[in-house]
Amino acid sequence: MATPTKRPQYKVKCYMCLSGKLNIDYKAADLLRRFLLPNGKIKPRRLSNLCAKHQRMVSNAIKKARFLALLPFVINDTDTRR
């Protein structure tokens, strides 16, 4: 049996660590939208390329911004209901 070939894995650096941002503010809605999927869900770590520490900070900031109506909970698309 041949061994399955694996894709070469490379480590992607955390966006927040590279940019030097120490804290993530819930009022920066344009920055937080970057970490949302098109339907409004929070992106997982493997898609957002954040370290665990910053992923927790981003998810808490998104939840706080949703509660204060700065970000939507759900993004509805009326064409998908058909």
N, C-alpha and C. Protein backbone atom coordinates (compact mmCIF):
# COMPACT_ATOMS: atom_id res chain seq x y z
N MET A 1 0.83 -1.19 0.00
CA MET A 1 0.00 0.00 0.00
C MET A 1 0.87 1.25 0.00
N ALA A 2 0.50 2.15 -0.81
CA ALA A 2 1.24 3.40 -0.87
C ALA A 2 0.71 4.34 0.22
N THR A 3 1.60 5.08 0.78
CA THR A 3 1.17 6.03 1.81
C THR A 3 0.54 7.25 1.14
N PRO A 4 -0.53 7.77 1.71
CA PRO A 4 -1.16 8.94 1.10
C PRO A 4 -0.26 10.16 1.20
N THR A 5 -0.26 10.95 0.17
CA THR A 5 0.57 12.15 0.18
C THR A 5 -0.14 13.25 0.94
N LYS A 6 0.62 13.97 1.69
CA LYS A 6 0.06 15.06 2.49
C LYS A 6 0.43 16.38 1.82
N ARG A 7 -0.45 17.32 1.99
CA ARG A 7 -0.15 18.66 1.50
C ARG A 7 0.92 19.28 2.39
N PRO A 8 1.80 20.06 1.82
CA PRO A 8 2.78 20.73 2.69
C PRO A 8 2.07 21.75 3.57
N GLN A 9 2.32 21.65 4.85
CA GLN A 9 1.69 22.57 5.77
C GLN A 9 2.65 23.71 6.09
N TYR A 10 2.13 24.89 6.05
CA TYR A 10 2.92 26.05 6.41
C TYR A 10 2.17 26.83 7.46
N LYS A 11 2.89 27.43 8.35
CA LYS A 11 2.28 28.15 9.45
C LYS A 11 1.96 29.57 9.02
N VAL A 12 0.71 29.93 9.11
CA VAL A 12 0.27 31.28 8.78
C VAL A 12 0.29 32.09 10.07
N LYS A 13 0.91 33.22 10.03
CA LYS A 13 1.02 34.06 11.22
C LYS A 13 -0.29 34.74 11.53
N CYS A 14 -0.50 35.01 12.78
CA CYS A 14 -1.71 35.69 13.25
C CYS A 14 -1.71 37.14 12.75
N TYR A 15 -2.85 37.57 12.20
CA TYR A 15 -2.97 38.93 11.67
C TYR A 15 -2.79 39.97 12.77
N MET A 16 -3.36 39.72 13.93
CA MET A 16 -3.29 40.69 15.02
C MET A 16 -1.87 40.76 15.60
N CYS A 17 -1.19 39.62 15.68
CA CYS A 17 0.19 39.62 16.20
C CYS A 17 1.11 40.36 15.23
N LEU A 18 0.90 40.17 13.93
CA LEU A 18 1.76 40.84 12.95
C LEU A 18 1.53 42.34 12.91
N SER A 19 0.26 42.76 13.06
CA SER A 19 -0.03 44.20 12.97
C SER A 19 0.29 44.92 14.28
N GLY A 20 0.50 44.18 15.36
CA GLY A 20 0.88 44.81 16.62
C GLY A 20 -0.29 45.38 17.39
N LYS A 21 -1.50 44.95 17.08
CA LYS A 21 -2.67 45.45 17.82
C LYS A 21 -2.74 44.73 19.16
N LEU A 22 -2.74 45.51 20.23
CA LEU A 22 -2.74 44.91 21.55
C LEU A 22 -4.15 44.54 22.00
N ASN A 23 -5.11 45.38 21.68
CA ASN A 23 -6.48 45.06 22.08
C ASN A 23 -7.40 45.24 20.89
N ILE A 24 -8.51 44.55 20.95
CA ILE A 24 -9.49 44.59 19.87
C ILE A 24 -10.73 45.25 20.44
N ASP A 25 -11.15 46.33 19.83
CA ASP A 25 -12.25 47.12 20.33
C ASP A 25 -13.55 46.70 19.65
N TYR A 26 -14.62 46.58 20.41
CA TYR A 26 -15.90 46.19 19.85
C TYR A 26 -16.50 47.29 18.98
N LYS A 27 -16.01 48.52 19.11
CA LYS A 27 -16.54 49.63 18.32
C LYS A 27 -15.96 49.68 16.90
N ALA A 28 -14.92 48.91 16.64
CA ALA A 28 -14.32 48.86 15.31
C ALA A 28 -15.05 47.82 14.46
N ALA A 29 -16.27 48.16 14.05
CA ALA A 29 -17.13 47.21 13.35
C ALA A 29 -16.55 46.81 12.00
N ASP A 30 -15.87 47.73 11.32
CA ASP A 30 -15.30 47.40 10.01
C ASP A 30 -14.18 46.36 10.14
N LEU A 31 -13.41 46.41 11.22
CA LEU A 31 -12.38 45.40 11.46
C LEU A 31 -13.03 44.06 11.82
N LEU A 32 -14.07 44.09 12.62
CA LEU A 32 -14.72 42.86 13.06
C LEU A 32 -15.48 42.17 11.93
N ARG A 33 -15.96 42.93 10.96
CA ARG A 33 -16.65 42.32 9.81
C ARG A 33 -15.72 41.41 9.01
N ARG A 34 -14.44 41.68 9.09
CA ARG A 34 -13.46 40.85 8.40
C ARG A 34 -13.46 39.41 8.91
N PHE A 35 -13.89 39.24 10.15
CA PHE A 35 -13.89 37.92 10.78
C PHE A 35 -15.27 37.29 10.82
N LEU A 36 -16.18 37.75 9.97
CA LEU A 36 -17.51 37.17 9.85
C LEU A 36 -17.66 36.48 8.50
N LEU A 37 -18.39 35.38 8.48
CA LEU A 37 -18.73 34.72 7.23
C LEU A 37 -19.85 35.50 6.55
N PRO A 38 -20.12 35.26 5.27
CA PRO A 38 -21.17 36.00 4.58
C PRO A 38 -22.56 35.86 5.20
N ASN A 39 -22.82 34.77 5.93
CA ASN A 39 -24.12 34.62 6.56
C ASN A 39 -24.16 35.19 7.98
N GLY A 40 -23.05 35.74 8.47
CA GLY A 40 -23.04 36.41 9.76
C GLY A 40 -22.40 35.62 10.88
N LYS A 41 -21.96 34.40 10.62
CA LYS A 41 -21.31 33.60 11.65
C LYS A 41 -19.86 34.04 11.83
N ILE A 42 -19.32 33.76 13.01
CA ILE A 42 -17.92 34.07 13.29
C ILE A 42 -17.06 33.02 12.61
N LYS A 43 -16.02 33.47 11.93
CA LYS A 43 -15.11 32.54 11.25
C LYS A 43 -14.34 31.71 12.28
N PRO A 44 -14.11 30.43 11.99
CA PRO A 44 -13.26 29.64 12.87
C PRO A 44 -11.79 30.02 12.72
N ARG A 45 -10.99 29.55 13.63
CA ARG A 45 -9.56 29.91 13.64
C ARG A 45 -8.84 29.53 12.37
N ARG A 46 -9.18 28.39 11.81
CA ARG A 46 -8.47 27.94 10.62
C ARG A 46 -8.76 28.82 9.41
N LEU A 47 -9.90 29.52 9.41
CA LEU A 47 -10.22 30.43 8.31
C LEU A 47 -9.78 31.87 8.60
N SER A 48 -9.83 32.27 9.86
CA SER A 48 -9.49 33.66 10.19
C SER A 48 -7.99 33.88 10.37
N ASN A 49 -7.22 32.79 10.51
CA ASN A 49 -5.76 32.87 10.68
C ASN A 49 -5.38 33.71 11.90
N LEU A 50 -6.04 33.44 13.02
CA LEU A 50 -5.72 34.11 14.27
C LEU A 50 -5.19 33.10 15.26
N CYS A 51 -4.37 33.57 16.21
CA CYS A 51 -3.95 32.68 17.29
C CYS A 51 -5.11 32.54 18.27
N ALA A 52 -5.01 31.60 19.19
CA ALA A 52 -6.12 31.31 20.10
C ALA A 52 -6.48 32.52 20.96
N LYS A 53 -5.47 33.24 21.41
CA LYS A 53 -5.69 34.41 22.26
C LYS A 53 -6.50 35.48 21.51
N HIS A 54 -6.09 35.79 20.29
CA HIS A 54 -6.78 36.82 19.53
C HIS A 54 -8.13 36.34 19.01
N GLN A 55 -8.28 35.06 18.75
CA GLN A 55 -9.58 34.54 18.32
C GLN A 55 -10.60 34.72 19.44
N ARG A 56 -10.21 34.46 20.68
CA ARG A 56 -11.11 34.68 21.82
C ARG A 56 -11.47 36.16 21.94
N MET A 57 -10.48 37.03 21.78
CA MET A 57 -10.74 38.47 21.90
C MET A 57 -11.68 38.94 20.79
N VAL A 58 -11.47 38.45 19.56
CA VAL A 58 -12.32 38.84 18.44
C VAL A 58 -13.75 38.33 18.64
N SER A 59 -13.89 37.08 19.07
CA SER A 59 -15.23 36.54 19.24
C SER A 59 -15.99 37.27 20.35
N ASN A 60 -15.31 37.62 21.44
CA ASN A 60 -15.97 38.39 22.50
C ASN A 60 -16.34 39.78 22.02
N ALA A 61 -15.48 40.41 21.23
CA ALA A 61 -15.78 41.75 20.70
C ALA A 61 -16.96 41.69 19.72
N ILE A 62 -17.02 40.65 18.90
CA ILE A 62 -18.14 40.50 17.97
C ILE A 62 -19.44 40.31 18.72
N LYS A 63 -19.42 39.50 19.77
CA LYS A 63 -20.62 39.26 20.56
C LYS A 63 -21.10 40.54 21.24
N LYS A 64 -20.16 41.33 21.74
CA LYS A 64 -20.52 42.59 22.38
C LYS A 64 -21.07 43.57 21.34
N ALA A 65 -20.47 43.62 20.16
CA ALA A 65 -20.93 44.52 19.10
C ALA A 65 -22.31 44.09 18.60
N ARG A 66 -22.59 42.80 18.56
CA ARG A 66 -23.92 42.33 18.17
C ARG A 66 -24.96 42.75 19.19
N PHE A 67 -24.61 42.64 20.46
CA PHE A 67 -25.55 43.01 21.52
C PHE A 67 -25.88 44.50 21.47
N LEU A 68 -24.91 45.31 21.08
CA LEU A 68 -25.12 46.76 20.99
C LEU A 68 -25.60 47.20 19.61
N ALA A 69 -25.95 46.24 18.75
CA ALA A 69 -26.50 46.48 17.41
C ALA A 69 -25.51 47.17 16.48
N LEU A 70 -24.22 46.96 16.68
CA LEU A 70 -23.23 47.47 15.74
C LEU A 70 -22.99 46.48 14.61
N LEU A 71 -23.24 45.19 14.88
CA LEU A 71 -23.12 44.13 13.89
C LEU A 71 -24.40 43.30 13.90
N PRO A 72 -24.78 42.73 12.78
CA PRO A 72 -26.00 41.91 12.76
C PRO A 72 -25.75 40.52 13.33
N PHE A 73 -26.80 39.94 13.90
CA PHE A 73 -26.71 38.55 14.36
C PHE A 73 -26.76 37.61 13.16
N VAL A 74 -27.67 37.89 12.22
CA VAL A 74 -27.87 37.04 11.05
C VAL A 74 -27.99 37.95 9.84
N ILE A 75 -27.41 37.53 8.74
CA ILE A 75 -27.56 38.27 7.49
C ILE A 75 -28.48 37.44 6.60
N ASN A 76 -29.69 37.93 6.40
CA ASN A 76 -30.67 37.20 5.60
C ASN A 76 -30.54 37.56 4.14
N ASP A 77 -30.63 36.57 3.31
CA ASP A 77 -30.67 36.77 1.87
C ASP A 77 -32.03 36.26 1.40
N THR A 78 -32.85 37.14 0.87
CA THR A 78 -34.22 36.75 0.52
C THR A 78 -34.28 35.80 -0.66
N ASP A 79 -33.23 35.75 -1.48
CA ASP A 79 -33.24 34.88 -2.66
C ASP A 79 -33.04 33.41 -2.29
N THR A 80 -32.48 33.11 -1.13
CA THR A 80 -32.20 31.73 -0.76
C THR A 80 -33.41 31.02 -0.16
N ARG A 81 -34.52 31.72 0.07
CA ARG A 81 -35.69 31.10 0.67
C ARG A 81 -36.53 30.33 -0.33
N ARG A 82 -36.25 30.45 -1.59
CA ARG A 82 -37.08 29.79 -2.60
C ARG A 82 -36.80 28.35 -2.71
